[in-house]
PDB file of N, CA and C in Angstrom:
ATOM      1  N   MET A   1     108.624 100.589 101.563  1.00  0.00           N
ATOM      2  CA  MET A   1     108.289 101.976 101.280  1.00  0.00           C
ATOM      3  C   MET A   1     108.458 102.728 102.596  1.00  0.00           C
ATOM      4  N   ARG A   2     109.048 103.959 102.421  1.00  0.00           N
ATOM      5  CA  ARG A   2     109.259 104.802 103.595  1.00  0.00           C
ATOM      6  C   ARG A   2     107.978 105.366 104.130  1.00  0.00           C
ATOM      7  N   PRO A   3     107.910 105.577 105.486  1.00  0.00           N
ATOM      8  CA  PRO A   3     106.747 106.071 105.995  1.00  0.00           C
ATOM      9  C   PRO A   3     106.253 107.432 105.518  1.00  0.00           C
ATOM     10  N   GLN A   4     107.302 108.280 105.190  1.00  0.00           N
ATOM     11  CA  GLN A   4     106.930 109.571 104.568  1.00  0.00           C
ATOM     12  C   GLN A   4     106.239 109.405 103.226  1.00  0.00           C
ATOM     13  N   ALA A   5     106.714 108.490 102.412  1.00  0.00           N
ATOM     14  CA  ALA A   5     106.051 108.284 101.113  1.00  0.00           C
ATOM     15  C   ALA A   5     104.698 107.664 101.317  1.00  0.00           C
ATOM     16  N   LEU A   6     104.568 106.792 102.291  1.00  0.00           N
ATOM     17  CA  LEU A   6     103.272 106.180 102.574  1.00  0.00           C
ATOM     18  C   LEU A   6     102.240 107.204 103.016  1.00  0.00           C
ATOM     19  N   ILE A   7     102.646 108.111 103.911  1.00  0.00           N
ATOM     20  CA  ILE A   7     101.698 109.176 104.305  1.00  0.00           C
ATOM     21  C   ILE A   7     101.335 110.068 103.104  1.00  0.00           C
ATOM     22  N   GLY A   8     102.301 110.279 102.262  1.00  0.00           N
ATOM     23  CA  GLY A   8     102.046 111.118 101.020  1.00  0.00           C
ATOM     24  C   GLY A   8     101.030 110.446 100.126  1.00  0.00           C
ATOM     25  N   LEU A   9     101.132 109.104  99.982  1.00  0.00           N
ATOM     26  CA  LEU A   9     100.179 108.379  99.177  1.00  0.00           C
ATOM     27  C   LEU A   9      98.787 108.430  99.772  1.00  0.00           C
ATOM     28  N   VAL A  10      98.665 108.357 101.079  1.00  0.00           N
ATOM     29  CA  VAL A  10      97.340 108.427 101.736  1.00  0.00           C
ATOM     30  C   VAL A  10      96.774 109.847 101.533  1.00  0.00           C
ATOM     31  N   LEU A  11      97.579 110.850 101.585  1.00  0.00           N
ATOM     32  CA  LEU A  11      97.110 112.209 101.336  1.00  0.00           C
ATOM     33  C   LEU A  11      96.660 112.434  99.901  1.00  0.00           C
ATOM     34  N   VAL A  12      97.385 111.834  98.968  1.00  0.00           N
ATOM     35  CA  VAL A  12      96.939 111.925  97.581  1.00  0.00           C
ATOM     36  C   VAL A  12      95.586 111.256  97.377  1.00  0.00           C
ATOM     37  N   VAL A  13      95.374 110.041  97.939  1.00  0.00           N
ATOM     38  CA  VAL A  13      94.130 109.349  97.759  1.00  0.00           C
ATOM     39  C   VAL A  13      93.013 110.076  98.387  1.00  0.00           C
ATOM     40  N   LEU A  14      93.220 110.664  99.595  1.00  0.00           N
ATOM     41  CA  LEU A  14      92.278 111.379 100.270  1.00  0.00           C
ATOM     42  C   LEU A  14      91.851 112.644  99.462  1.00  0.00           C
ATOM     43  N   GLY A  15      92.843 113.299  98.900  1.00  0.00           N
ATOM     44  CA  GLY A  15      92.617 114.497  98.171  1.00  0.00           C
ATOM     45  C   GLY A  15      91.755 114.236  96.915  1.00  0.00           C
ATOM     46  N   VAL A  16      92.108 113.076  96.256  1.00  0.00           N
ATOM     47  CA  VAL A  16      91.343 112.731  95.048  1.00  0.00           C
ATOM     48  C   VAL A  16      89.887 112.419  95.418  1.00  0.00           C
ATOM     49  N   PHE A  17      89.740 111.692  96.526  1.00  0.00           N
ATOM     50  CA  PHE A  17      88.363 111.396  96.999  1.00  0.00           C
ATOM     51  C   PHE A  17      87.564 112.586  97.288  1.00  0.00           C
ATOM     52  N   ILE A  18      88.228 113.660  97.902  1.00  0.00           N
ATOM     53  CA  ILE A  18      87.504 114.874  98.192  1.00  0.00           C
ATOM     54  C   ILE A  18      87.122 115.625  96.895  1.00  0.00           C
ATOM     55  N   LEU A  19      87.979 115.602  95.896  1.00  0.00           N
ATOM     56  CA  LEU A  19      87.730 116.325  94.713  1.00  0.00           C
ATOM     57  C   LEU A  19      86.674 115.609  93.874  1.00  0.00           C
ATOM     58  N   VAL A  20      86.667 114.307  93.842  1.00  0.00           N
ATOM     59  CA  VAL A  20      85.771 113.492  93.019  1.00  0.00           C
ATOM     60  C   VAL A  20      84.394 113.374  93.691  1.00  0.00           C
ATOM     61  N   ARG A  21      84.307 112.874  94.844  1.00  0.00           N
ATOM     62  CA  ARG A  21      83.064 112.578  95.553  1.00  0.00           C
ATOM     63  C   ARG A  21      82.660 113.636  96.513  1.00  0.00           C
ATOM     64  N   GLY A  22      83.552 114.401  97.039  1.00  0.00           N
ATOM     65  CA  GLY A  22      83.165 115.321  98.090  1.00  0.00           C
ATOM     66  C   GLY A  22      83.143 114.669  99.455  1.00  0.00           C
ATOM     67  N   MET A  23      83.268 115.447 100.493  1.00  0.00           N
ATOM     68  CA  MET A  23      83.288 114.883 101.844  1.00  0.00           C
ATOM     69  C   MET A  23      82.564 115.825 102.703  1.00  0.00           C
ATOM     70  N   SER A  24      81.865 115.356 103.713  1.00  0.00           N
ATOM     71  CA  SER A  24      81.167 116.250 104.669  1.00  0.00           C
ATOM     72  C   SER A  24      81.404 115.781 106.114  1.00  0.00           C
ATOM     73  N   TYR A  25      81.178 116.584 107.025  1.00  0.00           N
ATOM     74  CA  TYR A  25      81.281 116.193 108.420  1.00  0.00           C
ATOM     75  C   TYR A  25      80.098 116.856 109.167  1.00  0.00           C
ATOM     76  N   SER A  26      79.793 116.280 110.314  1.00  0.00           N
ATOM     77  CA  SER A  26      78.626 116.758 111.153  1.00  0.00           C
ATOM     78  C   SER A  26      79.186 117.694 112.156  1.00  0.00           C
ATOM     79  N   ASP A  27      78.391 118.700 112.477  1.00  0.00           N
ATOM     80  CA  ASP A  27      78.747 119.719 113.492  1.00  0.00           C
ATOM     81  C   ASP A  27      77.531 119.886 114.419  1.00  0.00           C
ATOM     82  N   ARG A  28      77.696 119.788 115.728  1.00  0.00           N
ATOM     83  CA  ARG A  28      76.628 119.905 116.624  1.00  0.00           C
ATOM     84  C   ARG A  28      76.767 121.163 117.422  1.00  0.00           C
ATOM     85  N   ASP A  29      75.817 122.029 117.397  1.00  0.00           N
ATOM     86  CA  ASP A  29      75.829 123.313 118.095  1.00  0.00           C
ATOM     87  C   ASP A  29      74.716 123.287 119.139  1.00  0.00           C
ATOM     88  N   GLU A  30      75.037 123.693 120.382  1.00  0.00           N
ATOM     89  CA  GLU A  30      74.055 123.816 121.447  1.00  0.00           C
ATOM     90  C   GLU A  30      73.325 125.150 121.300  1.00  0.00           C
ATOM     91  N   VAL A  31      72.044 125.081 121.050  1.00  0.00           N
ATOM     92  CA  VAL A  31      71.250 126.245 120.768  1.00  0.00           C
ATOM     93  C   VAL A  31      70.664 126.852 121.958  1.00  0.00           C
ATOM     94  N   LEU A  32      70.192 126.062 122.896  1.00  0.00           N
ATOM     95  CA  LEU A  32      69.396 126.465 124.088  1.00  0.00           C
ATOM     96  C   LEU A  32      69.780 125.586 125.223  1.00  0.00           C
ATOM     97  N   ARG A  33      69.983 126.176 126.424  1.00  0.00           N
ATOM     98  CA  ARG A  33      70.241 125.401 127.638  1.00  0.00           C
ATOM     99  C   ARG A  33      69.561 126.104 128.797  1.00  0.00           C
ATOM    100  N   VAL A  34      68.574 125.415 129.361  1.00  0.00           N
ATOM    101  CA  VAL A  34      67.788 125.919 130.450  1.00  0.00           C
ATOM    102  C   VAL A  34      67.846 124.866 131.539  1.00  0.00           C
ATOM    103  N   GLY A  35      68.639 125.098 132.551  1.00  0.00           N
ATOM    104  CA  GLY A  35      68.705 124.075 133.650  1.00  0.00           C
ATOM    105  C   GLY A  35      69.289 122.760 133.099  1.00  0.00           C
ATOM    106  N   ASP A  36      68.488 121.656 133.273  1.00  0.00           N
ATOM    107  CA  ASP A  36      68.984 120.401 132.769  1.00  0.00           C
ATOM    108  C   ASP A  36      68.498 120.166 131.301  1.00  0.00           C
ATOM    109  N   VAL A  37      67.730 120.973 130.751  1.00  0.00           N
ATOM    110  CA  VAL A  37      67.200 120.832 129.376  1.00  0.00           C
ATOM    111  C   VAL A  37      68.157 121.485 128.391  1.00  0.00           C
ATOM    112  N   LYS A  38      68.558 120.688 127.354  1.00  0.00           N
ATOM    113  CA  LYS A  38      69.447 121.196 126.332  1.00  0.00           C
ATOM    114  C   LYS A  38      68.769 120.939 125.001  1.00  0.00           C
ATOM    115  N   ALA A  39      68.949 121.912 124.109  1.00  0.00           N
ATOM    116  CA  ALA A  39      68.560 121.758 122.694  1.00  0.00           C
ATOM    117  C   ALA A  39      69.786 122.059 121.897  1.00  0.00           C
ATOM    118  N   SER A  40      69.933 121.119 120.903  1.00  0.00           N
ATOM    119  CA  SER A  40      71.067 121.261 120.085  1.00  0.00           C
ATOM    120  C   SER A  40      70.671 121.028 118.547  1.00  0.00           C
ATOM    121  N   VAL A  41      71.488 121.514 117.661  1.00  0.00           N
ATOM    122  CA  VAL A  41      71.184 121.420 116.212  1.00  0.00           C
ATOM    123  C   VAL A  41      72.397 120.733 115.599  1.00  0.00           C
ATOM    124  N   GLU A  42      72.148 119.750 114.817  1.00  0.00           N
ATOM    125  CA  GLU A  42      73.252 119.040 114.089  1.00  0.00           C
ATOM    126  C   GLU A  42      73.174 119.447 112.597  1.00  0.00           C
ATOM    127  N   SER A  43      74.263 119.930 112.081  1.00  0.00           N
ATOM    128  CA  SER A  43      74.329 120.339 110.680  1.00  0.00           C
ATOM    129  C   SER A  43      75.503 119.632 109.916  1.00  0.00           C
ATOM    130  N   LYS A  44      75.238 119.414 108.732  1.00  0.00           N
ATOM    131  CA  LYS A  44      76.309 118.789 107.913  1.00  0.00           C
ATOM    132  C   LYS A  44      77.077 119.891 107.093  1.00  0.00           C
ATOM    133  N   LYS A  45      78.303 119.861 107.200  1.00  0.00           N
ATOM    134  CA  LYS A  45      79.110 120.869 106.442  1.00  0.00           C
ATOM    135  C   LYS A  45      80.089 120.155 105.520  1.00  0.00           C
ATOM    136  N   ALA A  46      80.225 120.701 104.307  1.00  0.00           N
ATOM    137  CA  ALA A  46      81.028 120.117 103.300  1.00  0.00           C
ATOM    138  C   ALA A  46      82.486 120.553 103.424  1.00  0.00           C
ATOM    139  N   VAL A  47      83.392 119.610 103.179  1.00  0.00           N
ATOM    140  CA  VAL A  47      84.818 119.948 103.119  1.00  0.00           C
ATOM    141  C   VAL A  47      85.110 120.651 101.778  1.00  0.00           C
ATOM    142  N   PRO A  48      85.665 121.865 101.750  1.00  0.00           N
ATOM    143  CA  PRO A  48      85.849 122.571 100.542  1.00  0.00           C
ATOM    144  C   PRO A  48      86.795 121.856  99.581  1.00  0.00           C
ATOM    145  N   ALA A  49      86.596 122.084  98.258  1.00  0.00           N
ATOM    146  CA  ALA A  49      87.314 121.410  97.196  1.00  0.00           C
ATOM    147  C   ALA A  49      88.813 121.758  97.299  1.00  0.00           C
ATOM    148  N   TRP A  50      89.091 122.991  97.689  1.00  0.00           N
ATOM    149  CA  TRP A  50      90.494 123.415  97.730  1.00  0.00           C
ATOM    150  C   TRP A  50      91.294 122.586  98.758  1.00  0.00           C
ATOM    151  N   ALA A  51      90.586 122.043  99.783  1.00  0.00           N
ATOM    152  CA  ALA A  51      91.322 121.204 100.738  1.00  0.00           C
ATOM    153  C   ALA A  51      91.785 119.906 100.072  1.00  0.00           C
ATOM    154  N   GLY A  52      91.017 119.436  99.110  1.00  0.00           N
ATOM    155  CA  GLY A  52      91.450 118.269  98.402  1.00  0.00           C
ATOM    156  C   GLY A  52      92.662 118.543  97.532  1.00  0.00           C
ATOM    157  N   GLY A  53      92.700 119.698  96.922  1.00  0.00           N
ATOM    158  CA  GLY A  53      93.814 120.130  96.173  1.00  0.00           C
ATOM    159  C   GLY A  53      95.074 120.324  96.982  1.00  0.00           C
ATOM    160  N   VAL A  54      94.898 120.862  98.152  1.00  0.00           N
ATOM    161  CA  VAL A  54      96.066 121.021  99.099  1.00  0.00           C
ATOM    162  C   VAL A  54      96.590 119.659  99.516  1.00  0.00           C
ATOM    163  N   ALA A  55      95.699 118.761  99.806  1.00  0.00           N
ATOM    164  CA  ALA A  55      96.110 117.430 100.248  1.00  0.00           C
ATOM    165  C   ALA A  55      96.877 116.655  99.124  1.00  0.00           C
ATOM    166  N   ILE A  56      96.426 116.966  97.850  1.00  0.00           N
ATOM    167  CA  ILE A  56      97.099 116.231  96.711  1.00  0.00           C
ATOM    168  C   ILE A  56      98.531 116.822  96.580  1.00  0.00           C
ATOM    169  N   VAL A  57      98.641 118.145  96.583  1.00  0.00           N
ATOM    170  CA  VAL A  57      99.944 118.820  96.484  1.00  0.00           C
ATOM    171  C   VAL A  57     100.870 118.393  97.667  1.00  0.00           C
ATOM    172  N   ALA A  58     100.365 118.396  98.858  1.00  0.00           N
ATOM    173  CA  ALA A  58     101.221 117.962 100.028  1.00  0.00           C
ATOM    174  C   ALA A  58     101.627 116.533  99.898  1.00  0.00           C
ATOM    175  N   GLY A  59     100.648 115.691  99.476  1.00  0.00           N
ATOM    176  CA  GLY A  59     101.055 114.272  99.326  1.00  0.00           C
ATOM    177  C   GLY A  59     102.072 114.048  98.293  1.00  0.00           C
ATOM    178  N   ILE A  60     102.028 114.758  97.093  1.00  0.00           N
ATOM    179  CA  ILE A  60     103.031 114.586  96.131  1.00  0.00           C
ATOM    180  C   ILE A  60     104.393 115.071  96.644  1.00  0.00           C
ATOM    181  N   ALA A  61     104.373 116.236  97.392  1.00  0.00           N
ATOM    182  CA  ALA A  61     105.644 116.638  97.931  1.00  0.00           C
ATOM    183  C   ALA A  61     106.230 115.666  98.914  1.00  0.00           C
ATOM    184  N   LEU A  62     105.470 114.983  99.801  1.00  0.00           N
ATOM    185  CA  LEU A  62     105.920 114.008 100.663  1.00  0.00           C
ATOM    186  C   LEU A  62     106.436 112.801  99.917  1.00  0.00           C
ATOM    187  N   ILE A  63     105.728 112.386  98.864  1.00  0.00           N
ATOM    188  CA  ILE A  63     106.214 111.207  98.106  1.00  0.00           C
ATOM    189  C   ILE A  63     107.549 111.524  97.444  1.00  0.00           C
ATOM    190  N   VAL A  64     107.687 112.655  96.859  1.00  0.00           N
ATOM    191  CA  VAL A  64     108.953 113.079  96.202  1.00  0.00           C
ATOM    192  C   VAL A  64     110.078 113.212  97.127  1.00  0.00           C
ATOM    193  N   SER A  65     109.856 113.841  98.327  1.00  0.00           N
ATOM    194  CA  SER A  65     110.858 113.973  99.289  1.00  0.00           C
ATOM    195  C   SER A  65     111.280 112.656  99.941  1.00  0.00           C
ATOM    196  N   GLY A  66     110.263 111.763 100.001  1.00  0.00           N
ATOM    197  CA  GLY A  66     110.538 110.413 100.587  1.00  0.00           C
ATOM    198  C   GLY A  66     111.376 109.557  99.654  1.00  0.00           C
ATOM    199  N   ILE A  67     111.133 109.679  98.364  1.00  0.00           N
ATOM    200  CA  ILE A  67     111.884 108.902  97.392  1.00  0.00           C
ATOM    201  C   ILE A  67     113.315 109.489  97.190  1.00  0.00           C
ATOM    202  N   LYS A  68     113.463 110.831  97.260  1.00  0.00           N
ATOM    203  CA  LYS A  68     114.775 111.469  97.110  1.00  0.00           C
ATOM    204  C   LYS A  68     115.660 111.130  98.345  1.00  0.00           C
ATOM    205  N   ARG A  69     115.037 110.924  99.529  1.00  0.00           N
ATOM    206  CA  ARG A  69     115.902 110.599 100.695  1.00  0.00           C
ATOM    207  C   ARG A  69     116.419 109.196 100.537  1.00  0.00           C
ATOM    208  N   ARG A  70     115.633 108.360  99.884  1.00  0.00           N
ATOM    209  CA  ARG A  70     116.124 106.874  99.748  1.00  0.00           C
ATOM    210  C   ARG A  70     117.240 106.777  98.749  1.00  0.00           C
ATOM    211  N   ALA A  71     117.261 107.626  97.750  1.00  0.00           N
ATOM    212  CA  ALA A  71     118.281 107.481  96.700  1.00  0.00           C
ATOM    213  C   ALA A  71     119.619 108.121  97.059  1.00  0.00           C
TER     214      ALA A  71
END
């Protein structure tokens, strides 16, 4: 399998995962800093569903272009 098609397959799987289960990431913001004392807040943010759709479309495009190159 060509590397381009393999990357496309990974993108499709990741996109489906985002659409079905959702995905989140942590973000840490520094709220207060006085001398050596720091206060920070950690918040979880969700990856938007449209990002999963974009990953699926991009993955399909890479798979198709990778297969067409081979033929």
